[in-house]
C-alpha atoms as a PDB file:
ATOM      1  CA  MET A   1    -119.384  42.155  -6.895  1.00  0.00           C
ATOM      2  CA  SER A   2    -119.186  45.889  -6.317  1.00  0.00           C
ATOM      3  CA  LEU A   3    -117.256  47.723  -3.641  1.00  0.00           C
ATOM      4  CA  ARG A   4    -119.289  50.042  -1.498  1.00  0.00           C
ATOM      5  CA  LEU A   5    -117.649  53.044   0.065  1.00  0.00           C
ATOM      6  CA  PRO A   6    -118.848  54.109   3.495  1.00  0.00           C
ATOM      7  CA  SER A   7    -121.417  56.842   3.289  1.00  0.00           C
ATOM      8  CA  ARG A   8    -119.808  58.849   6.110  1.00  0.00           C
ATOM      9  CA  VAL A   9    -116.226  59.305   7.210  1.00  0.00           C
ATOM     10  CA  LEU A  10    -115.348  57.741  10.544  1.00  0.00           C
ATOM     11  CA  LEU A  11    -114.296  60.317  13.142  1.00  0.00           C
ATOM     12  CA  PRO A  12    -112.797  59.843  16.595  1.00  0.00           C
ATOM     13  CA  HIS A  13    -115.293  58.540  19.125  1.00  0.00           C
ATOM     14  CA  ASN A  14    -116.181  61.981  20.535  1.00  0.00           C
ATOM     15  CA  ALA A  15    -115.677  64.111  17.409  1.00  0.00           C
ATOM     16  CA  GLY A  16    -119.182  63.516  16.122  1.00  0.00           C
ATOM     17  CA  SER A  17    -120.761  65.337  19.032  1.00  0.00           C
ATOM     18  CA  LEU A  18    -118.536  68.424  18.804  1.00  0.00           C
ATOM     19  CA  PRO A  19    -119.047  71.397  16.492  1.00  0.00           C
ATOM     20  CA  PRO A  20    -116.376  71.741  13.746  1.00  0.00           C
ATOM     21  CA  ALA A  21    -114.576  74.649  15.488  1.00  0.00           C
ATOM     22  CA  MET A  22    -114.227  72.616  18.707  1.00  0.00           C
ATOM     23  CA  ARG A  23    -112.949  69.640  16.726  1.00  0.00           C
ATOM     24  CA  MET A  24    -110.299  71.864  15.146  1.00  0.00           C
ATOM     25  CA  ARG A  25    -109.215  73.181  18.553  1.00  0.00           C
ATOM     26  CA  GLN A  26    -109.138  69.671  19.966  1.00  0.00           C
ATOM     27  CA  SER A  27    -107.127  68.470  16.982  1.00  0.00           C
ATOM     28  CA  LEU A  28    -104.637  71.336  17.399  1.00  0.00           C
ATOM     29  CA  ALA A  29    -104.394  70.644  21.121  1.00  0.00           C
ATOM     30  CA  GLN A  30    -103.684  66.978  20.440  1.00  0.00           C
ATOM     31  CA  PHE A  31    -101.104  67.939  17.824  1.00  0.00           C
ATOM     32  CA  GLU A  32     -99.405  70.369  20.215  1.00  0.00           C
ATOM     33  CA  GLU A  33     -99.402  67.800  23.018  1.00  0.00           C
ATOM     34  CA  ALA A  34     -97.899  65.187  20.689  1.00  0.00           C
ATOM     35  CA  PHE A  35     -95.297  67.735  19.587  1.00  0.00           C
ATOM     36  CA  ARG A  36     -94.382  68.537  23.225  1.00  0.00           C
ATOM     37  CA  GLU A  37     -94.083  64.832  24.061  1.00  0.00           C
ATOM     38  CA  GLU A  38     -91.888  64.196  21.029  1.00  0.00           C
ATOM     39  CA  ALA A  39     -89.731  67.232  21.862  1.00  0.00           C
ATOM     40  CA  ALA A  40     -89.308  65.976  25.441  1.00  0.00           C
ATOM     41  CA  GLN A  41     -88.379  62.518  24.175  1.00  0.00           C
ATOM     42  CA  SER A  42     -85.916  64.060  21.736  1.00  0.00           C
ATOM     43  CA  ILE A  43     -84.274  66.078  24.523  1.00  0.00           C
ATOM     44  CA  ALA A  44     -84.030  62.984  26.735  1.00  0.00           C
ATOM     45  CA  HIS A  45     -82.582  60.973  23.833  1.00  0.00           C
ATOM     46  CA  ARG A  46     -79.956  63.646  23.094  1.00  0.00           C
ATOM     47  CA  GLU A  47     -79.017  63.749  26.781  1.00  0.00           C
ATOM     48  CA  ARG A  48     -78.591  59.952  26.856  1.00  0.00           C
ATOM     49  CA  LEU A  49     -76.427  60.129  23.718  1.00  0.00           C
ATOM     50  CA  ARG A  50     -74.317  62.907  25.253  1.00  0.00           C
ATOM     51  CA  LYS A  51     -73.817  60.927  28.472  1.00  0.00           C
ATOM     52  CA  ARG A  52     -72.798  57.846  26.484  1.00  0.00           C
ATOM     53  CA  ALA A  53     -70.310  59.910  24.470  1.00  0.00           C
ATOM     54  CA  VAL A  54     -68.827  61.355  27.662  1.00  0.00           C
ATOM     55  CA  GLN A  55     -68.566  57.857  29.128  1.00  0.00           C
ATOM     56  CA  ARG A  56     -66.839  56.532  25.976  1.00  0.00           C
ATOM     57  CA  THR A  57     -64.413  59.466  26.022  1.00  0.00           C
ATOM     58  CA  ARG A  58     -63.617  58.849  29.676  1.00  0.00           C
ATOM     59  CA  SER A  59     -63.140  55.133  29.022  1.00  0.00           C
ATOM     60  CA  ARG A  60     -60.788  55.812  26.077  1.00  0.00           C
ATOM     61  CA  ARG A  61     -58.803  58.276  28.167  1.00  0.00           C
ATOM     62  CA  VAL A  62     -58.413  55.721  30.995  1.00  0.00           C
ATOM     63  CA  ASP A  63     -57.380  53.004  28.522  1.00  0.00           C
ATOM     64  CA  ARG A  64     -54.850  55.341  26.881  1.00  0.00           C
ATOM     65  CA  ARG A  65     -53.432  56.307  30.282  1.00  0.00           C
ATOM     66  CA  ARG A  66     -53.066  52.622  31.283  1.00  0.00           C
ATOM     67  CA  LYS A  67     -51.387  51.768  27.984  1.00  0.00           C
ATOM     68  CA  LEU A  68     -48.924  54.653  28.307  1.00  0.00           C
ATOM     69  CA  GLY A  69     -48.303  53.722  31.947  1.00  0.00           C
ATOM     70  CA  ARG A  70     -47.460  50.136  30.986  1.00  0.00           C
ATOM     71  CA  MET A  71     -45.147  51.338  28.220  1.00  0.00           C
ATOM     72  CA  ARG A  72     -43.367  53.764  30.562  1.00  0.00           C
ATOM     73  CA  PHE A  73     -42.973  51.043  33.178  1.00  0.00           C
ATOM     74  CA  ALA A  74     -41.531  48.638  30.584  1.00  0.00           C
ATOM     75  CA  LEU A  75     -39.068  51.330  29.403  1.00  0.00           C
ATOM     76  CA  LEU A  76     -38.082  52.084  33.008  1.00  0.00           C
ATOM     77  CA  ALA A  77     -37.516  48.395  33.793  1.00  0.00           C
ATOM     78  CA  LEU A  78     -35.540  47.942  30.554  1.00  0.00           C
ATOM     79  CA  SER A  79     -33.362  50.979  31.272  1.00  0.00           C
ATOM     80  CA  ILE A  80     -32.655  49.747  34.822  1.00  0.00           C
ATOM     81  CA  VAL A  81     -31.654  46.296  33.529  1.00  0.00           C
ATOM     82  CA  ALA A  82     -29.540  47.834  30.740  1.00  0.00           C
ATOM     83  CA  THR A  83     -27.818  50.136  33.241  1.00  0.00           C
ATOM     84  CA  ALA A  84     -27.071  47.196  35.555  1.00  0.00           C
ATOM     85  CA  VAL A  85     -25.639  45.152  32.680  1.00  0.00           C
ATOM     86  CA  ILE A  86     -23.463  48.043  31.418  1.00  0.00           C
ATOM     87  CA  VAL A  87     -22.188  48.866  34.916  1.00  0.00           C
ATOM     88  CA  THR A  88     -21.349  45.195  35.548  1.00  0.00           C
ATOM     89  CA  ILE A  89     -19.442  44.882  32.255  1.00  0.00           C
ATOM     90  CA  VAL A  90     -17.507  48.118  32.836  1.00  0.00           C
ATOM     91  CA  MET A  91     -16.759  47.113  36.443  1.00  0.00           C
ATOM     92  CA  PHE A  92     -15.362  43.708  35.446  1.00  0.00           C
ATOM     93  CA  GLN A  93     -13.304  45.223  32.594  1.00  0.00           C
ATOM     94  CA  THR A  94     -11.860  47.793  34.985  1.00  0.00           C
ATOM     95  CA  LEU A  95     -11.129  45.035  37.548  1.00  0.00           C
ATOM     96  CA  ALA A  96      -9.456  42.966  34.832  1.00  0.00           C
ATOM     97  CA  MET A  97      -7.289  45.941  33.776  1.00  0.00           C
ATOM     98  CA  ILE A  98      -6.253  46.609  37.374  1.00  0.00           C
ATOM     99  CA  ALA A  99      -5.596  42.972  38.227  1.00  0.00           C
ATOM    100  CA  GLY A 100      -4.044  42.052  34.893  1.00  0.00           C
END
């Protein structure tokens, strides 16, 4: 069994009717169009990536702000309770010294 190679190279459906110079121009035009499409897609992709990065940064900043806010609130509440306890102890010791 022998393999037979095609006697002619298959060209795009309309390339056979065009002279070689026209085929070259058409090929270059197709290449340029494909390049423009890919460049546009690349620009759109970079813009989507940039927007996602901005959104992640914003989200991290909000999370950090909430975390710091909770910590500050806890420290404020703790300092208020500690102040109340200290004032109560000092007040009762002073009352005991005066009364005793």
